[in-house]
């Protein structure tokens, strides 16, 4: 008898699950994100999982993927642990609040607003200029000015909230926020983001698990694929110019925003692809 999770035949779908896992890990390591913008739609559209279960399962998979990718970034000197700690503390609170709202409200309007925000950020990233330098980062970019530090804490809170609400890693908020608000270089911002995702995803995944929104069997198949490709993606970063990473991140945000602003269009395209 085939192993199943919520009606999903893992033996028949393992190839599709593996492909989704590989793409998730590769984007996670390469762009310093959780990869949920690929993983959640994949779980919903390819495996037929509900939105809430897909959100919880994505956070479960993101945890080990982000851990291995963060190690690679740290070995490449693209990490600022004091800033990671600040973001993480505030983000855990935000993730718990977001998870509570995830279970109590329809996120349709918020998704559209978030999609519009991602679209704006993507367009801004495509405009030349800004801190895309590959220059060596300072020992710590955690600014001692109290106003700026409060701003960084708020950024972590918002990123954590969106993580819990939408089942994303939070990097889509945190990375552009660090770049534009605090002039942090692209690669360093990605390293901080991928490390920050770990505690955020843990808190969100635990909350989803208590509500029965984590498909552990599917996650166990996804995790090895995403971990290996996550290491590969993080390793490739050291050979790619920061401006090219910025361009790639902008393209990813365009994709993510289109998923949120026009979900029915994507659903229709996927259905046509299945019947073609």
Protein backbone atom coordinates (compact mmCIF):
# COMPACT_ATOMS: atom_id res chain seq x y z
CA UNK A 1 0.00 0.00 0.00
CA UNK A 2 1.37 3.42 -1.00
CA UNK A 3 2.29 5.89 1.66
CA UNK A 4 -0.18 8.69 1.66
CA UNK A 5 -0.58 12.04 3.30
CA UNK A 6 -3.96 13.68 3.19
CA UNK A 7 -4.89 11.63 0.12
CA UNK A 8 -1.57 12.28 -1.67
CA UNK A 9 0.01 9.15 -3.14
CA UNK A 10 3.69 9.73 -2.40
CA UNK A 11 4.81 6.76 -4.47
CA UNK A 12 3.18 8.13 -7.61
CA UNK A 13 4.08 11.77 -6.98
CA UNK A 14 7.63 11.45 -5.65
CA UNK A 15 9.21 12.79 -8.87
CA UNK A 16 7.04 15.92 -8.82
CA UNK A 17 7.70 16.36 -5.10
CA UNK A 18 11.46 16.01 -5.64
CA UNK A 19 11.46 18.60 -8.45
CA UNK A 20 9.57 21.07 -6.28
CA UNK A 21 12.07 20.43 -3.47
CA UNK A 22 15.10 20.98 -5.70
CA UNK A 23 13.74 24.26 -7.08
CA UNK A 24 12.83 25.43 -3.59
CA UNK A 25 16.30 24.78 -2.18
CA UNK A 26 18.11 26.25 -5.18
CA UNK A 27 16.20 29.52 -4.98
CA UNK A 28 16.56 29.56 -1.21
CA UNK A 29 20.34 29.34 -1.33
CA UNK A 30 20.82 31.48 -4.42
CA UNK A 31 18.61 34.39 -3.34
CA UNK A 32 18.64 34.09 0.45
CA UNK A 33 14.92 33.38 0.73
CA UNK A 34 12.84 30.58 2.20
CA UNK A 35 11.64 29.40 -1.19
CA UNK A 36 8.00 29.20 -0.12
CA UNK A 37 6.91 31.27 -3.12
CA UNK A 38 7.85 28.19 -5.16
CA UNK A 39 7.00 25.56 -2.56
CA UNK A 40 3.50 26.69 -1.53
CA UNK A 41 2.15 26.96 -5.11
CA UNK A 42 3.81 23.64 -5.90
CA UNK A 43 2.12 21.91 -2.99
CA UNK A 44 -1.24 23.46 -3.86
CA UNK A 45 -1.19 23.18 -7.66
CA UNK A 46 0.87 20.02 -8.17
CA UNK A 47 -0.17 17.96 -5.14
CA UNK A 48 -3.62 19.43 -4.53
CA UNK A 49 -2.84 20.36 -0.92
CA UNK A 50 -4.99 22.97 0.83
CA UNK A 51 -3.56 26.48 1.23
CA UNK A 52 -3.29 26.23 5.03
CA UNK A 53 -1.59 22.82 4.91
CA UNK A 54 0.75 24.00 2.17
CA UNK A 55 1.73 27.03 4.27
CA UNK A 56 2.49 24.88 7.32
CA UNK A 57 4.36 22.22 5.35
CA UNK A 58 6.45 24.85 3.57
CA UNK A 59 7.69 26.25 6.89
CA UNK A 60 8.55 22.70 8.02
CA UNK A 61 10.70 22.19 4.90
CA UNK A 62 12.27 25.64 5.05
CA UNK A 63 13.90 25.03 8.46
CA UNK A 64 16.67 22.55 7.49
CA UNK A 65 17.05 24.11 4.05
CA UNK A 66 17.76 27.53 5.55
CA UNK A 67 20.14 26.06 8.16
CA UNK A 68 22.50 24.52 5.60
CA UNK A 69 22.32 27.55 3.29
CA UNK A 70 23.09 29.91 6.20
CA UNK A 71 26.17 27.86 7.08
CA UNK A 72 27.49 28.28 3.54
CA UNK A 73 26.84 32.05 3.62
CA UNK A 74 28.61 32.32 6.99
CA UNK A 75 31.64 30.43 5.66
CA UNK A 76 31.74 32.98 2.83
CA UNK A 77 31.83 35.90 5.34
CA UNK A 78 28.38 37.10 4.26
CA UNK A 79 26.79 37.12 7.70
CA UNK A 80 26.10 39.57 10.56
CA UNK A 81 25.03 37.59 13.63
CA UNK A 82 24.08 40.58 15.86
CA UNK A 83 21.64 41.78 13.21
CA UNK A 84 20.35 38.24 12.69
CA UNK A 85 19.64 38.05 16.43
CA UNK A 86 17.74 41.35 16.44
CA UNK A 87 15.62 40.39 13.43
CA UNK A 88 14.98 36.93 14.84
CA UNK A 89 13.70 38.06 18.24
CA UNK A 90 11.16 40.45 16.75
CA UNK A 91 10.26 38.12 13.89
CA UNK A 92 9.30 35.25 16.20
CA UNK A 93 6.67 37.49 17.79
CA UNK A 94 5.45 38.57 14.37
CA UNK A 95 5.29 34.98 13.09
CA UNK A 96 3.12 33.88 16.00
CA UNK A 97 0.71 36.76 15.40
CA UNK A 98 0.60 36.01 11.69
CA UNK A 99 -0.13 32.33 12.29
CA UNK A 100 -3.06 33.20 14.57
CA UNK A 101 -4.55 35.45 11.90
CA UNK A 102 -3.90 32.79 9.25
CA UNK A 103 -6.38 30.53 11.03
CA UNK A 104 -9.00 33.23 11.62
CA UNK A 105 -9.21 35.36 8.49
CA UNK A 106 -9.17 35.28 4.72
CA UNK A 107 -5.87 36.67 3.52
CA UNK A 108 -7.20 37.67 0.08
CA UNK A 109 -6.94 41.43 0.50
CA UNK A 110 -3.64 41.18 2.34
CA UNK A 111 -2.26 38.98 -0.43
CA UNK A 112 -3.17 41.60 -3.02
CA UNK A 113 -1.58 44.38 -0.99
CA UNK A 114 1.52 42.26 -0.42
CA UNK A 115 1.63 41.43 -4.13
CA UNK A 116 1.50 45.13 -4.98
CA UNK A 117 4.33 45.76 -2.52
CA UNK A 118 6.47 43.02 -4.08
CA UNK A 119 5.78 44.46 -7.53
CA UNK A 120 6.95 47.90 -6.38
CA UNK A 121 10.12 46.45 -4.83
CA UNK A 122 10.86 44.41 -7.97
CA UNK A 123 10.58 47.49 -10.17
CA UNK A 124 12.81 49.44 -7.79
CA UNK A 125 15.42 46.68 -7.84
CA UNK A 126 15.48 46.81 -11.63
CA UNK A 127 16.35 50.52 -11.56
CA UNK A 128 20.17 50.97 -11.65
CA UNK A 129 21.81 52.25 -8.48
CA UNK A 130 21.66 51.36 -4.82
CA UNK A 131 23.85 49.18 -2.59
CA UNK A 132 24.56 46.29 -4.95
CA UNK A 133 28.31 46.48 -4.26
CA UNK A 134 30.49 43.44 -3.66
CA UNK A 135 32.69 45.45 -1.28
CA UNK A 136 33.67 43.66 1.95
CA UNK A 137 31.04 44.31 4.65
CA UNK A 138 31.90 46.00 7.97
CA UNK A 139 32.24 43.81 11.10
CA UNK A 140 28.60 44.57 11.95
CA UNK A 141 25.95 46.65 10.25
CA UNK A 142 23.82 46.75 13.40
CA UNK A 143 23.60 50.52 13.80
CA UNK A 144 23.85 51.82 17.36
CA UNK A 145 21.52 54.76 16.67
CA UNK A 146 18.37 53.95 18.63
CA UNK A 147 15.96 55.16 15.93
CA UNK A 148 17.60 53.03 13.25
CA UNK A 149 17.75 50.02 15.58
CA UNK A 150 14.02 50.38 16.27
CA UNK A 151 13.46 50.51 12.52
CA UNK A 152 15.40 47.28 12.06
CA UNK A 153 13.37 45.65 14.83
CA UNK A 154 10.12 46.71 13.16
CA UNK A 155 11.36 45.30 9.85
CA UNK A 156 11.93 41.94 11.56
CA UNK A 157 8.47 42.08 13.14
CA UNK A 158 6.80 42.73 9.77
CA UNK A 159 8.80 39.99 8.03
CA UNK A 160 7.88 37.51 10.76
CA UNK A 161 4.21 38.47 10.62
CA UNK A 162 4.07 37.85 6.86
CA UNK A 163 5.89 34.56 7.37
CA UNK A 164 3.27 33.27 9.78
CA UNK A 165 0.32 34.62 7.82
CA UNK A 166 1.29 33.53 4.30
CA UNK A 167 3.66 30.63 4.99
CA UNK A 168 6.66 32.40 3.47
CA UNK A 169 10.15 32.59 4.89
CA UNK A 170 10.07 36.37 5.26
CA UNK A 171 13.06 37.01 3.02
CA UNK A 172 10.89 38.74 0.44
CA UNK A 173 10.31 41.47 3.03
CA UNK A 174 13.63 41.40 4.87
CA UNK A 175 16.12 41.42 1.98
CA UNK A 176 14.75 44.45 0.09
CA UNK A 177 14.12 46.16 3.42
CA UNK A 178 17.78 45.82 4.40
CA UNK A 179 18.95 46.97 0.98
CA UNK A 180 16.80 50.07 0.65
CA UNK A 181 16.26 51.14 4.25
CA UNK A 182 19.69 50.39 5.71
CA UNK A 183 22.02 50.28 2.66
CA UNK A 184 23.18 46.72 3.34
CA UNK A 185 24.99 45.08 0.37
CA UNK A 186 23.03 42.48 -1.61
CA UNK A 187 25.03 39.38 -0.69
CA UNK A 188 25.26 40.29 2.99
CA UNK A 189 21.51 41.00 3.05
CA UNK A 190 20.87 37.54 1.58
CA UNK A 191 23.08 35.86 4.17
CA UNK A 192 21.36 37.66 7.04
CA UNK A 193 17.97 36.86 5.54
CA UNK A 194 18.56 33.12 5.18
CA UNK A 195 19.82 32.87 8.79
CA UNK A 196 16.90 34.93 10.08
CA UNK A 197 14.48 32.56 8.36
CA UNK A 198 15.45 29.65 10.65
CA UNK A 199 13.91 30.79 13.98
CA UNK A 200 11.01 32.41 12.14
CA UNK A 201 10.18 29.20 10.30
CA UNK A 202 10.54 27.13 13.49
CA UNK A 203 8.02 29.24 15.41
CA UNK A 204 5.60 29.33 12.49
CA UNK A 205 5.92 25.61 11.77
CA UNK A 206 5.26 24.67 15.40
CA UNK A 207 2.13 26.81 15.47
CA UNK A 208 0.90 25.26 12.20
CA UNK A 209 1.74 21.76 13.47
CA UNK A 210 -0.45 22.25 16.52
CA UNK A 211 -3.30 23.08 14.14
CA UNK A 212 -2.67 20.00 12.01
CA UNK A 213 -1.39 21.99 9.04
CA UNK A 214 1.92 20.14 8.51
CA UNK A 215 2.08 17.15 6.15
CA UNK A 216 5.23 15.58 7.63
CA UNK A 217 5.43 12.69 5.14
CA UNK A 218 5.48 15.07 2.19
CA UNK A 219 8.00 17.25 4.00
CA UNK A 220 10.34 14.31 4.64
CA UNK A 221 10.49 13.68 0.88
CA UNK A 222 11.04 17.37 0.12
CA UNK A 223 13.71 18.11 2.74
CA UNK A 224 16.68 16.09 1.35
CA UNK A 225 16.12 17.57 -2.12
CA UNK A 226 15.84 21.14 -0.88
CA UNK A 227 18.82 20.82 1.49
CA UNK A 228 21.22 19.59 -1.20
CA UNK A 229 20.13 22.16 -3.77
CA UNK A 230 20.13 24.85 -1.06
CA UNK A 231 23.83 24.23 -0.42
CA UNK A 232 24.51 24.37 -4.16
CA UNK A 233 22.62 27.65 -4.51
CA UNK A 234 24.41 29.29 -1.57
CA UNK A 235 27.78 28.09 -2.90
CA UNK A 236 27.08 29.57 -6.35
CA UNK A 237 26.49 33.02 -4.82
CA UNK A 238 30.23 33.61 -4.35
CA UNK A 239 30.76 33.34 -8.11
CA UNK A 240 27.91 35.65 -9.15
CA UNK A 241 28.15 39.44 -9.31
CA UNK A 242 25.90 41.23 -6.81
CA UNK A 243 24.16 43.19 -9.57
CA UNK A 244 23.19 39.93 -11.27
CA UNK A 245 21.87 38.56 -7.97
CA UNK A 246 19.85 41.74 -7.57
CA UNK A 247 18.40 41.30 -11.06
CA UNK A 248 17.55 37.66 -10.33
CA UNK A 249 15.91 38.61 -7.05
CA UNK A 250 13.83 41.23 -8.88
CA UNK A 251 12.63 38.62 -11.39
CA UNK A 252 11.71 36.32 -8.53
CA UNK A 253 9.70 39.10 -6.87
CA UNK A 254 7.88 39.76 -10.17
CA UNK A 255 6.90 36.10 -10.25
CA UNK A 256 5.85 36.10 -6.59
CA UNK A 257 3.79 39.28 -7.00
CA UNK A 258 2.01 37.89 -10.05
CA UNK A 259 1.08 34.78 -8.05
CA UNK A 260 -0.53 36.97 -5.42
CA UNK A 261 -2.14 39.54 -7.71
CA UNK A 262 -3.46 37.11 -10.32
CA UNK A 263 -3.76 33.63 -8.75
CA UNK A 264 -6.61 32.58 -11.03
CA UNK A 265 -4.50 33.23 -14.12
CA UNK A 266 -1.76 30.93 -12.80
CA UNK A 267 -4.30 28.27 -11.83
CA UNK A 268 -5.80 28.40 -15.32
CA UNK A 269 -2.37 28.11 -16.96
CA UNK A 270 -1.46 25.10 -14.80
CA UNK A 271 -4.74 23.37 -15.61
CA UNK A 272 -4.18 23.92 -19.32
CA UNK A 273 -0.68 22.50 -18.95
CA UNK A 274 -2.02 19.34 -17.33
CA UNK A 275 -4.60 18.78 -20.07
CA UNK A 276 -2.27 19.65 -22.95
